[in-house]
Amino acid sequence: MVAFAVVQWSAFVTAPLKRRAQAKNMPETLPENTNAPDPAGPQSGTKRHPNAPLWIGFLVSVFAFLSYIPIFVKYPVTRDMPWASFLIFAIGLLFLFLGLRRAFRQPTVYRGKVAGPILTTLSVAALVFFCFTIFSLGKHLPASTQAPRVGQKAPDFALADTNGRTVSLATLLSAPAASHPTKGVLLIFYRGYW
């Protein structure tokens, strides 16, 4: 057992010395291996071009993710169903697909074999997170304790109409004039939480 440990220790100590001796005997320049295949192919001397569709697609996807709150929430047509954001995401993912295809079909001409999958993964993750927040977290609104219940009389309020005149609920529900037919009022409540 002790002899085995001594042999192991001597091999451990002498191995670096042997490597140093071999390094001293090696020539400074090694001959090139002409039989090895060139990894970059026949165009190894050419400079690869940047893959613009990858970066454009990523930036468009980031814009689609970040633009919903400051831009598209203001308008009901894009707030209720974020079709504009989905359209921008689709354009971004199309650019990413084109950039990925270019990077993997022509790797000697275009860059992006490493950055392409990373940017695509980040863009798809942004789309998934966007969908999760809009369709899942958006449905978990806190309970409204002051909202009128079904069948309960609506509280009186006054708002400006499209002409800028103030109209109250009591005025709308009052007895109709001789020239106007009987009136009814339909109240629609859109709840929001932002």
N, C-alpha and C. Protein backbone atom coordinates (compact mmCIF):
# COMPACT_ATOMS: atom_id res chain seq x y z
N MET A 1 0.82 -1.17 0.00
CA MET A 1 0.00 0.00 0.00
C MET A 1 0.88 1.25 0.00
N VAL A 2 1.90 1.26 0.83
CA VAL A 2 2.81 2.41 0.90
C VAL A 2 3.59 2.52 -0.40
N ALA A 3 4.00 1.40 -0.98
CA ALA A 3 4.75 1.43 -2.24
C ALA A 3 3.88 1.99 -3.36
N PHE A 4 2.62 1.63 -3.34
CA PHE A 4 1.70 2.14 -4.36
C PHE A 4 1.56 3.65 -4.25
N ALA A 5 1.45 4.18 -3.03
CA ALA A 5 1.32 5.62 -2.82
C ALA A 5 2.58 6.35 -3.25
N VAL A 6 3.76 5.75 -3.02
CA VAL A 6 5.02 6.38 -3.44
C VAL A 6 5.10 6.42 -4.96
N VAL A 7 4.67 5.36 -5.63
CA VAL A 7 4.71 5.33 -7.09
C VAL A 7 3.76 6.39 -7.64
N GLN A 8 2.57 6.51 -7.07
CA GLN A 8 1.61 7.52 -7.52
C GLN A 8 2.15 8.92 -7.31
N TRP A 9 2.78 9.15 -6.15
CA TRP A 9 3.32 10.47 -5.83
C TRP A 9 4.47 10.82 -6.76
N SER A 10 5.33 9.86 -7.07
CA SER A 10 6.47 10.14 -7.95
C SER A 10 5.99 10.43 -9.37
N ALA A 11 4.92 9.75 -9.80
CA ALA A 11 4.38 10.03 -11.13
C ALA A 11 3.76 11.43 -11.16
N PHE A 12 3.15 11.84 -10.06
CA PHE A 12 2.55 13.15 -9.97
C PHE A 12 3.61 14.25 -10.00
N VAL A 13 4.73 14.01 -9.36
CA VAL A 13 5.79 15.02 -9.30
C VAL A 13 6.58 15.07 -10.61
N THR A 14 6.84 13.94 -11.23
CA THR A 14 7.69 13.92 -12.42
C THR A 14 6.95 14.28 -13.70
N ALA A 15 5.63 14.19 -13.72
CA ALA A 15 4.87 14.49 -14.95
C ALA A 15 5.08 15.93 -15.40
N PRO A 16 5.01 16.93 -14.54
CA PRO A 16 5.25 18.30 -15.01
C PRO A 16 6.68 18.50 -15.52
N LEU A 17 7.64 17.80 -14.92
CA LEU A 17 9.02 17.94 -15.37
C LEU A 17 9.19 17.37 -16.78
N LYS A 18 8.53 16.24 -17.05
CA LYS A 18 8.62 15.66 -18.40
C LYS A 18 7.98 16.58 -19.43
N ARG A 19 6.86 17.21 -19.07
CA ARG A 19 6.20 18.11 -20.02
C ARG A 19 7.07 19.32 -20.31
N ARG A 20 7.77 19.84 -19.31
CA ARG A 20 8.65 20.99 -19.54
C ARG A 20 9.80 20.60 -20.45
N ALA A 21 10.33 19.42 -20.27
CA ALA A 21 11.44 18.97 -21.12
C ALA A 21 10.96 18.79 -22.56
N GLN A 22 9.76 18.28 -22.74
CA GLN A 22 9.24 18.13 -24.09
C GLN A 22 8.98 19.48 -24.73
N ALA A 23 8.54 20.44 -23.94
CA ALA A 23 8.26 21.77 -24.48
C ALA A 23 9.54 22.45 -24.93
N LYS A 24 10.68 22.19 -24.24
CA LYS A 24 11.95 22.79 -24.64
C LYS A 24 12.44 22.22 -25.96
N ASN A 25 12.14 20.97 -26.23
CA ASN A 25 12.62 20.32 -27.45
C ASN A 25 11.72 20.60 -28.66
N MET A 26 10.55 21.19 -28.46
CA MET A 26 9.63 21.43 -29.57
C MET A 26 10.06 22.65 -30.35
N PRO A 27 9.88 22.63 -31.67
CA PRO A 27 10.20 23.82 -32.46
C PRO A 27 9.17 24.91 -32.18
N GLU A 28 9.58 26.17 -32.44
CA GLU A 28 8.68 27.28 -32.16
C GLU A 28 7.52 27.33 -33.14
N THR A 29 7.75 26.99 -34.38
CA THR A 29 6.66 26.97 -35.35
C THR A 29 6.43 25.54 -35.80
N LEU A 30 5.21 25.14 -35.77
CA LEU A 30 4.86 23.79 -36.19
C LEU A 30 4.45 23.81 -37.65
N PRO A 31 4.76 22.75 -38.38
CA PRO A 31 4.32 22.71 -39.78
C PRO A 31 2.80 22.56 -39.83
N GLU A 32 2.20 23.16 -40.87
CA GLU A 32 0.75 23.08 -41.02
C GLU A 32 0.34 21.69 -41.47
N ASN A 33 -0.80 21.28 -40.99
CA ASN A 33 -1.35 20.00 -41.38
C ASN A 33 -2.18 20.23 -42.65
N THR A 34 -1.66 19.83 -43.76
CA THR A 34 -2.34 20.08 -45.03
C THR A 34 -3.44 19.06 -45.28
N ASN A 35 -3.48 17.98 -44.54
CA ASN A 35 -4.51 16.97 -44.73
C ASN A 35 -5.80 17.29 -43.97
N ALA A 36 -5.75 18.22 -43.02
CA ALA A 36 -6.93 18.53 -42.21
C ALA A 36 -7.92 19.35 -43.05
N PRO A 37 -9.22 19.05 -42.94
CA PRO A 37 -10.20 19.82 -43.70
C PRO A 37 -10.36 21.23 -43.13
N ASP A 38 -10.59 22.17 -44.01
CA ASP A 38 -10.78 23.55 -43.60
C ASP A 38 -12.20 23.70 -43.06
N PRO A 39 -12.37 24.09 -41.77
CA PRO A 39 -13.71 24.14 -41.20
C PRO A 39 -14.59 25.22 -41.82
N ALA A 40 -14.01 26.27 -42.33
CA ALA A 40 -14.80 27.36 -42.89
C ALA A 40 -15.08 27.15 -44.37
N GLY A 41 -14.52 26.16 -44.97
CA GLY A 41 -14.78 25.88 -46.37
C GLY A 41 -13.86 26.66 -47.28
N PRO A 42 -14.15 26.69 -48.55
CA PRO A 42 -13.26 27.33 -49.49
C PRO A 42 -13.23 28.84 -49.38
N GLN A 43 -14.21 29.44 -48.72
CA GLN A 43 -14.24 30.89 -48.62
C GLN A 43 -13.74 31.38 -47.27
N SER A 44 -12.75 30.73 -46.70
CA SER A 44 -12.31 31.08 -45.36
C SER A 44 -11.68 32.45 -45.30
N GLY A 45 -11.19 32.96 -46.41
CA GLY A 45 -10.57 34.27 -46.41
C GLY A 45 -11.57 35.40 -46.49
N THR A 46 -12.82 35.12 -46.83
CA THR A 46 -13.82 36.17 -46.95
C THR A 46 -14.39 36.52 -45.59
N LYS A 47 -14.77 37.78 -45.47
CA LYS A 47 -15.36 38.24 -44.22
C LYS A 47 -16.85 37.96 -44.24
N ARG A 48 -17.38 37.43 -43.14
CA ARG A 48 -18.81 37.13 -43.07
C ARG A 48 -19.59 38.41 -42.81
N HIS A 49 -20.75 38.50 -43.43
CA HIS A 49 -21.60 39.69 -43.31
C HIS A 49 -22.48 39.58 -42.08
N PRO A 50 -22.83 40.73 -41.50
CA PRO A 50 -23.79 40.68 -40.38
C PRO A 50 -25.15 40.21 -40.88
N ASN A 51 -25.86 39.54 -40.01
CA ASN A 51 -27.16 38.98 -40.36
C ASN A 51 -28.24 39.93 -39.85
N ALA A 52 -28.55 40.94 -40.65
CA ALA A 52 -29.48 41.99 -40.24
C ALA A 52 -30.88 41.48 -39.90
N PRO A 53 -31.47 40.52 -40.63
CA PRO A 53 -32.82 40.08 -40.26
C PRO A 53 -32.93 39.54 -38.84
N LEU A 54 -31.87 38.92 -38.34
CA LEU A 54 -31.92 38.44 -36.95
C LEU A 54 -32.12 39.59 -35.98
N TRP A 55 -31.31 40.62 -36.13
CA TRP A 55 -31.38 41.74 -35.19
C TRP A 55 -32.64 42.57 -35.40
N ILE A 56 -33.07 42.72 -36.65
CA ILE A 56 -34.31 43.44 -36.91
C ILE A 56 -35.49 42.69 -36.29
N GLY A 57 -35.52 41.37 -36.46
CA GLY A 57 -36.60 40.57 -35.88
C GLY A 57 -36.63 40.64 -34.37
N PHE A 58 -35.45 40.61 -33.75
CA PHE A 58 -35.39 40.70 -32.30
C PHE A 58 -35.87 42.07 -31.82
N LEU A 59 -35.42 43.14 -32.47
CA LEU A 59 -35.83 44.48 -32.06
C LEU A 59 -37.32 44.71 -32.29
N VAL A 60 -37.87 44.17 -33.37
CA VAL A 60 -39.31 44.28 -33.61
C VAL A 60 -40.09 43.53 -32.54
N SER A 61 -39.60 42.35 -32.12
CA SER A 61 -40.27 41.59 -31.06
C SER A 61 -40.22 42.33 -29.73
N VAL A 62 -39.09 42.95 -29.43
CA VAL A 62 -38.98 43.73 -28.20
C VAL A 62 -39.94 44.92 -28.25
N PHE A 63 -40.03 45.56 -29.43
CA PHE A 63 -40.98 46.67 -29.58
C PHE A 63 -42.41 46.19 -29.37
N ALA A 64 -42.76 45.04 -29.93
CA ALA A 64 -44.11 44.50 -29.77
C ALA A 64 -44.41 44.25 -28.30
N PHE A 65 -43.44 43.76 -27.56
CA PHE A 65 -43.64 43.46 -26.14
C PHE A 65 -43.79 44.74 -25.33
N LEU A 66 -42.93 45.73 -25.59
CA LEU A 66 -42.90 46.94 -24.77
C LEU A 66 -43.93 47.99 -25.20
N SER A 67 -44.49 47.91 -26.40
CA SER A 67 -45.37 48.97 -26.89
C SER A 67 -46.82 48.79 -26.46
N TYR A 68 -47.19 47.67 -25.94
CA TYR A 68 -48.60 47.45 -25.61
C TYR A 68 -49.10 48.44 -24.56
N ILE A 69 -48.40 48.58 -23.46
CA ILE A 69 -48.86 49.46 -22.37
C ILE A 69 -48.83 50.93 -22.78
N PRO A 70 -47.72 51.47 -23.30
CA PRO A 70 -47.74 52.91 -23.57
C PRO A 70 -48.52 53.32 -24.83
N ILE A 71 -48.72 52.41 -25.77
CA ILE A 71 -49.37 52.81 -27.03
C ILE A 71 -50.75 52.17 -27.19
N PHE A 72 -50.83 50.84 -27.19
CA PHE A 72 -52.04 50.15 -27.61
C PHE A 72 -53.12 50.04 -26.54
N VAL A 73 -52.80 50.27 -25.29
CA VAL A 73 -53.82 50.20 -24.23
C VAL A 73 -54.75 51.41 -24.31
N LYS A 74 -54.30 52.48 -24.92
CA LYS A 74 -55.10 53.70 -25.00
C LYS A 74 -56.35 53.54 -25.87
N TYR A 75 -56.34 52.59 -26.80
CA TYR A 75 -57.43 52.45 -27.76
C TYR A 75 -58.15 51.13 -27.52
N PRO A 76 -59.47 51.17 -27.38
CA PRO A 76 -60.21 49.93 -27.09
C PRO A 76 -60.05 48.86 -28.16
N VAL A 77 -59.88 49.25 -29.41
CA VAL A 77 -59.78 48.27 -30.48
C VAL A 77 -58.49 47.44 -30.38
N THR A 78 -57.46 48.00 -29.79
CA THR A 78 -56.21 47.25 -29.62
C THR A 78 -55.99 46.82 -28.17
N ARG A 79 -56.79 47.35 -27.25
CA ARG A 79 -56.64 46.95 -25.85
C ARG A 79 -57.39 45.66 -25.56
N ASP A 80 -58.64 45.57 -26.04
CA ASP A 80 -59.47 44.41 -25.72
C ASP A 80 -58.92 43.14 -26.34
N MET A 81 -58.47 43.21 -27.57
CA MET A 81 -57.79 42.09 -28.23
C MET A 81 -56.53 42.66 -28.85
N PRO A 82 -55.36 42.33 -28.32
CA PRO A 82 -54.12 42.98 -28.77
C PRO A 82 -53.64 42.48 -30.13
N TRP A 83 -54.48 42.62 -31.14
CA TRP A 83 -54.13 42.13 -32.48
C TRP A 83 -52.95 42.88 -33.06
N ALA A 84 -52.81 44.17 -32.75
CA ALA A 84 -51.68 44.93 -33.29
C ALA A 84 -50.36 44.41 -32.73
N SER A 85 -50.35 44.10 -31.45
CA SER A 85 -49.13 43.53 -30.85
C SER A 85 -48.81 42.17 -31.43
N PHE A 86 -49.84 41.35 -31.65
CA PHE A 86 -49.60 40.04 -32.26
C PHE A 86 -49.10 40.16 -33.69
N LEU A 87 -49.60 41.14 -34.42
CA LEU A 87 -49.13 41.37 -35.78
C LEU A 87 -47.66 41.79 -35.77
N ILE A 88 -47.29 42.66 -34.85
CA ILE A 88 -45.89 43.08 -34.75
C ILE A 88 -45.01 41.91 -34.33
N PHE A 89 -45.49 41.09 -33.39
CA PHE A 89 -44.74 39.88 -33.02
C PHE A 89 -44.55 38.96 -34.23
N ALA A 90 -45.59 38.79 -35.04
CA ALA A 90 -45.49 37.92 -36.21
C ALA A 90 -44.46 38.45 -37.20
N ILE A 91 -44.42 39.75 -37.39
CA ILE A 91 -43.42 40.33 -38.29
C ILE A 91 -42.02 40.10 -37.73
N GLY A 92 -41.85 40.30 -36.44
CA GLY A 92 -40.54 40.06 -35.81
C GLY A 92 -40.11 38.61 -35.93
N LEU A 93 -41.03 37.68 -35.69
CA LEU A 93 -40.69 36.26 -35.79
C LEU A 93 -40.41 35.85 -37.23
N LEU A 94 -41.06 36.49 -38.20
CA LEU A 94 -40.76 36.24 -39.60
C LEU A 94 -39.33 36.66 -39.94
N PHE A 95 -38.95 37.84 -39.47
CA PHE A 95 -37.56 38.29 -39.69
C PHE A 95 -36.57 37.34 -39.02
N LEU A 96 -36.90 36.89 -37.81
CA LEU A 96 -36.00 35.96 -37.11
C LEU A 96 -35.88 34.65 -37.87
N PHE A 97 -36.98 34.15 -38.41
CA PHE A 97 -36.93 32.92 -39.19
C PHE A 97 -36.06 33.09 -40.43
N LEU A 98 -36.22 34.22 -41.11
CA LEU A 98 -35.39 34.47 -42.30
C LEU A 98 -33.91 34.57 -41.92
N GLY A 99 -33.62 35.24 -40.82
CA GLY A 99 -32.23 35.35 -40.37
C GLY A 99 -31.64 34.02 -39.96
N LEU A 100 -32.43 33.19 -39.27
CA LEU A 100 -31.95 31.86 -38.89
C LEU A 100 -31.68 31.00 -40.12
N ARG A 101 -32.59 31.06 -41.06
CA ARG A 101 -32.40 30.26 -42.28
C ARG A 101 -31.15 30.71 -43.02
N ARG A 102 -30.93 32.01 -43.08
CA ARG A 102 -29.74 32.53 -43.74
C ARG A 102 -28.47 32.11 -42.99
N ALA A 103 -28.51 32.14 -41.66
CA ALA A 103 -27.32 31.80 -40.87
C ALA A 103 -26.95 30.33 -41.00
N PHE A 104 -27.94 29.45 -41.07
CA PHE A 104 -27.63 28.02 -41.11
C PHE A 104 -27.46 27.50 -42.52
N ARG A 105 -28.03 28.15 -43.52
CA ARG A 105 -27.83 27.70 -44.89
C ARG A 105 -26.54 28.24 -45.51
N GLN A 106 -26.13 29.43 -45.09
CA GLN A 106 -24.92 30.05 -45.62
C GLN A 106 -24.01 30.51 -44.48
N PRO A 107 -23.48 29.58 -43.70
CA PRO A 107 -22.68 29.99 -42.53
C PRO A 107 -21.36 30.64 -42.91
N THR A 108 -20.88 30.40 -44.13
CA THR A 108 -19.61 31.03 -44.53
C THR A 108 -19.82 32.46 -44.99
N VAL A 109 -21.07 32.84 -45.27
CA VAL A 109 -21.34 34.18 -45.76
C VAL A 109 -21.94 35.07 -44.67
N TYR A 110 -22.83 34.50 -43.83
CA TYR A 110 -23.54 35.29 -42.83
C TYR A 110 -23.27 34.77 -41.43
N ARG A 111 -23.25 35.71 -40.49
CA ARG A 111 -23.11 35.36 -39.07
C ARG A 111 -24.47 34.99 -38.51
N GLY A 112 -24.47 34.45 -37.28
CA GLY A 112 -25.73 34.26 -36.58
C GLY A 112 -26.04 32.85 -36.15
N LYS A 113 -25.11 31.92 -36.29
CA LYS A 113 -25.42 30.55 -35.86
C LYS A 113 -25.51 30.45 -34.34
N VAL A 114 -24.86 31.34 -33.63
CA VAL A 114 -24.94 31.32 -32.17
C VAL A 114 -25.98 32.33 -31.69
N ALA A 115 -25.91 33.55 -32.21
CA ALA A 115 -26.82 34.60 -31.75
C ALA A 115 -28.25 34.35 -32.21
N GLY A 116 -28.43 33.73 -33.36
CA GLY A 116 -29.77 33.50 -33.90
C GLY A 116 -30.67 32.70 -33.00
N PRO A 117 -30.27 31.51 -32.57
CA PRO A 117 -31.13 30.76 -31.66
C PRO A 117 -31.36 31.46 -30.32
N ILE A 118 -30.37 32.19 -29.84
CA ILE A 118 -30.54 32.91 -28.58
C ILE A 118 -31.59 34.02 -28.73
N LEU A 119 -31.47 34.82 -29.81
CA LEU A 119 -32.42 35.90 -30.03
C LEU A 119 -33.83 35.36 -30.30
N THR A 120 -33.91 34.26 -31.02
CA THR A 120 -35.22 33.66 -31.29
C THR A 120 -35.85 33.13 -30.01
N THR A 121 -35.06 32.50 -29.16
CA THR A 121 -35.58 32.01 -27.88
C THR A 121 -36.08 33.15 -27.01
N LEU A 122 -35.32 34.24 -26.97
CA LEU A 122 -35.75 35.40 -26.18
C LEU A 122 -37.04 36.01 -26.73
N SER A 123 -37.16 36.07 -28.05
CA SER A 123 -38.36 36.63 -28.67
C SER A 123 -39.57 35.75 -28.42
N VAL A 124 -39.41 34.44 -28.54
CA VAL A 124 -40.53 33.53 -28.28
C VAL A 124 -40.91 33.58 -26.79
N ALA A 125 -39.92 33.70 -25.92
CA ALA A 125 -40.21 33.83 -24.49
C ALA A 125 -40.98 35.12 -24.20
N ALA A 126 -40.63 36.21 -24.89
CA ALA A 126 -41.36 37.46 -24.73
C ALA A 126 -42.81 37.31 -25.20
N LEU A 127 -43.01 36.60 -26.31
CA LEU A 127 -44.37 36.37 -26.81
C LEU A 127 -45.18 35.52 -25.83
N VAL A 128 -44.57 34.48 -25.29
CA VAL A 128 -45.27 33.61 -24.32
C VAL A 128 -45.62 34.40 -23.06
N PHE A 129 -44.69 35.20 -22.57
CA PHE A 129 -44.95 36.00 -21.38
C PHE A 129 -46.05 37.04 -21.66
N PHE A 130 -46.02 37.64 -22.84
CA PHE A 130 -47.05 38.60 -23.24
C PHE A 130 -48.43 37.94 -23.24
N CYS A 131 -48.52 36.77 -23.87
CA CYS A 131 -49.80 36.04 -23.91
C CYS A 131 -50.26 35.65 -22.51
N PHE A 132 -49.32 35.24 -21.67
CA PHE A 132 -49.67 34.86 -20.30
C PHE A 132 -50.22 36.05 -19.52
N THR A 133 -49.58 37.21 -19.64
CA THR A 133 -50.05 38.37 -18.89
C THR A 133 -51.38 38.88 -19.43
N ILE A 134 -51.58 38.84 -20.74
CA ILE A 134 -52.82 39.37 -21.31
C ILE A 134 -54.00 38.43 -21.06
N PHE A 135 -53.80 37.15 -21.33
CA PHE A 135 -54.92 36.21 -21.30
C PHE A 135 -55.11 35.50 -19.97
N SER A 136 -54.09 35.41 -19.15
CA SER A 136 -54.24 34.72 -17.88
C SER A 136 -54.29 35.70 -16.71
N LEU A 137 -53.25 36.51 -16.57
CA LEU A 137 -53.23 37.45 -15.45
C LEU A 137 -54.27 38.55 -15.61
N GLY A 138 -54.62 38.89 -16.85
CA GLY A 138 -55.62 39.92 -17.08
C GLY A 138 -57.01 39.51 -16.63
N LYS A 139 -57.25 38.23 -16.49
CA LYS A 139 -58.56 37.75 -16.05
C LYS A 139 -58.70 37.72 -14.53
N HIS A 140 -57.62 37.89 -13.81
CA HIS A 140 -57.64 37.83 -12.35
C HIS A 140 -57.69 39.25 -11.77
N LEU A 141 -58.76 39.96 -12.09
CA LEU A 141 -58.93 41.31 -11.57
C LEU A 141 -59.48 41.25 -10.15
N PRO A 142 -59.15 42.23 -9.34
CA PRO A 142 -59.71 42.22 -7.98
C PRO A 142 -61.21 42.50 -8.01
N ALA A 143 -61.91 42.03 -7.00
CA ALA A 143 -63.35 42.20 -6.92
C ALA A 143 -63.69 43.67 -6.72
N SER A 144 -64.73 44.12 -7.39
CA SER A 144 -65.20 45.50 -7.26
C SER A 144 -66.33 45.53 -6.25
N THR A 145 -66.09 46.11 -5.11
CA THR A 145 -67.09 46.11 -4.04
C THR A 145 -68.12 47.22 -4.22
N GLN A 146 -67.82 48.27 -4.98
CA GLN A 146 -68.73 49.40 -5.12
C GLN A 146 -69.53 49.37 -6.42
N ALA A 147 -69.33 48.37 -7.26
CA ALA A 147 -70.07 48.29 -8.52
C ALA A 147 -71.52 47.91 -8.25
N PRO A 148 -72.46 48.46 -9.02
CA PRO A 148 -73.87 48.08 -8.84
C PRO A 148 -74.08 46.61 -9.19
N ARG A 149 -74.99 45.98 -8.49
CA ARG A 149 -75.32 44.58 -8.73
C ARG A 149 -76.43 44.48 -9.77
N VAL A 150 -76.63 43.30 -10.28
CA VAL A 150 -77.69 43.07 -11.27
C VAL A 150 -79.03 43.33 -10.62
N GLY A 151 -79.87 44.14 -11.29
CA GLY A 151 -81.19 44.47 -10.77
C GLY A 151 -81.21 45.68 -9.85
N GLN A 152 -80.07 46.14 -9.39
CA GLN A 152 -80.00 47.29 -8.50
C GLN A 152 -80.09 48.57 -9.32
N LYS A 153 -80.72 49.62 -8.76
CA LYS A 153 -80.85 50.89 -9.45
C LYS A 153 -79.47 51.54 -9.55
N ALA A 154 -79.16 52.05 -10.74
CA ALA A 154 -77.86 52.68 -10.97
C ALA A 154 -77.82 54.03 -10.28
N PRO A 155 -76.69 54.40 -9.69
CA PRO A 155 -76.58 55.72 -9.06
C PRO A 155 -76.60 56.82 -10.12
N ASP A 156 -77.10 57.98 -9.75
CA ASP A 156 -77.17 59.09 -10.69
C ASP A 156 -75.76 59.61 -10.96
N PHE A 157 -75.53 59.98 -12.22
CA PHE A 157 -74.24 60.54 -12.62
C PHE A 157 -74.46 61.47 -13.78
N ALA A 158 -73.48 62.29 -14.07
CA ALA A 158 -73.54 63.23 -15.19
C ALA A 158 -72.23 63.13 -15.97
N LEU A 159 -72.36 63.03 -17.30
CA LEU A 159 -71.20 62.95 -18.19
C LEU A 159 -71.42 63.82 -19.41
N ALA A 160 -70.37 64.17 -20.09
CA ALA A 160 -70.47 64.95 -21.31
C ALA A 160 -70.78 64.01 -22.48
N ASP A 161 -71.71 64.45 -23.36
CA ASP A 161 -72.01 63.63 -24.53
C ASP A 161 -71.05 63.99 -25.67
N THR A 162 -71.33 63.49 -26.86
CA THR A 162 -70.42 63.71 -27.99
C THR A 162 -70.40 65.16 -28.45
N ASN A 163 -71.44 65.93 -28.08
CA ASN A 163 -71.49 67.35 -28.44
C ASN A 163 -70.92 68.24 -27.36
N GLY A 164 -70.52 67.66 -26.24
CA GLY A 164 -69.94 68.44 -25.14
C GLY A 164 -70.96 68.90 -24.11
N ARG A 165 -72.24 68.58 -24.30
CA ARG A 165 -73.27 68.96 -23.32
C ARG A 165 -73.29 67.95 -22.18
N THR A 166 -73.55 68.42 -20.98
CA THR A 166 -73.63 67.54 -19.82
C THR A 166 -75.00 66.88 -19.78
N VAL A 167 -74.98 65.57 -19.68
CA VAL A 167 -76.21 64.78 -19.63
C VAL A 167 -76.14 63.93 -18.37
N SER A 168 -77.24 63.93 -17.61
CA SER A 168 -77.27 63.12 -16.39
C SER A 168 -78.20 61.93 -16.60
N LEU A 169 -78.03 60.92 -15.80
CA LEU A 169 -78.88 59.74 -15.87
C LEU A 169 -80.32 60.09 -15.53
N ALA A 170 -80.52 60.98 -14.57
CA ALA A 170 -81.88 61.37 -14.18
C ALA A 170 -82.58 62.06 -15.34
N THR A 171 -81.89 62.87 -16.13
CA THR A 171 -82.47 63.55 -17.28
C THR A 171 -82.90 62.53 -18.33
N LEU A 172 -82.05 61.54 -18.56
CA LEU A 172 -82.37 60.52 -19.56
C LEU A 172 -83.57 59.67 -19.17
N LEU A 173 -83.75 59.45 -17.88
CA LEU A 173 -84.85 58.62 -17.40
C LEU A 173 -86.13 59.41 -17.12
N SER A 174 -86.08 60.74 -17.24
CA SER A 174 -87.26 61.56 -16.94
C SER A 174 -88.34 61.32 -17.99
N ALA A 175 -89.49 61.87 -17.74
CA ALA A 175 -90.63 61.69 -18.65
C ALA A 175 -90.29 62.26 -20.01
N PRO A 176 -90.63 61.55 -21.08
CA PRO A 176 -90.27 62.02 -22.42
C PRO A 176 -91.09 63.24 -22.84
N ALA A 177 -90.46 64.02 -23.68
CA ALA A 177 -91.17 65.19 -24.23
C ALA A 177 -92.16 64.71 -25.28
N ALA A 178 -93.04 65.59 -25.71
CA ALA A 178 -94.07 65.21 -26.66
C ALA A 178 -93.46 64.82 -28.01
N SER A 179 -92.35 65.43 -28.38
CA SER A 179 -91.74 65.15 -29.68
C SER A 179 -90.81 63.94 -29.67
N HIS A 180 -90.47 63.43 -28.51
CA HIS A 180 -89.55 62.30 -28.40
C HIS A 180 -90.28 61.07 -27.90
N PRO A 181 -89.96 59.91 -28.44
CA PRO A 181 -90.58 58.69 -27.90
C PRO A 181 -90.02 58.35 -26.51
N THR A 182 -90.60 57.36 -25.88
CA THR A 182 -90.15 56.94 -24.55
C THR A 182 -88.69 56.52 -24.62
N LYS A 183 -87.94 56.94 -23.61
CA LYS A 183 -86.49 56.67 -23.61
C LYS A 183 -86.16 55.54 -22.65
N GLY A 184 -85.12 54.87 -22.96
CA GLY A 184 -84.53 53.89 -22.07
C GLY A 184 -83.02 54.12 -22.04
N VAL A 185 -82.37 53.62 -21.05
CA VAL A 185 -80.93 53.82 -20.92
C VAL A 185 -80.27 52.46 -20.76
N LEU A 186 -79.29 52.23 -21.57
CA LEU A 186 -78.49 51.01 -21.47
C LEU A 186 -77.12 51.39 -20.95
N LEU A 187 -76.78 50.87 -19.79
CA LEU A 187 -75.46 51.15 -19.20
C LEU A 187 -74.57 49.93 -19.40
N ILE A 188 -73.39 50.17 -19.91
CA ILE A 188 -72.40 49.11 -20.10
C ILE A 188 -71.16 49.50 -19.31
N PHE A 189 -70.73 48.59 -18.46
CA PHE A 189 -69.57 48.86 -17.62
C PHE A 189 -68.36 48.09 -18.17
N TYR A 190 -67.31 48.82 -18.43
CA TYR A 190 -66.03 48.19 -18.83
C TYR A 190 -65.08 48.34 -17.64
N ARG A 191 -64.76 47.23 -17.06
CA ARG A 191 -63.84 47.28 -15.93
C ARG A 191 -62.41 47.22 -16.42
N GLY A 192 -61.58 47.94 -15.79
CA GLY A 192 -60.16 47.89 -16.09
C GLY A 192 -59.35 47.95 -14.81
N TYR A 193 -58.14 47.48 -14.89
CA TYR A 193 -57.27 47.51 -13.71
C TYR A 193 -55.84 47.75 -14.18
N TRP A 194 -55.51 49.00 -14.34
CA TRP A 194 -54.13 49.36 -14.71
C TRP A 194 -53.84 50.76 -14.25
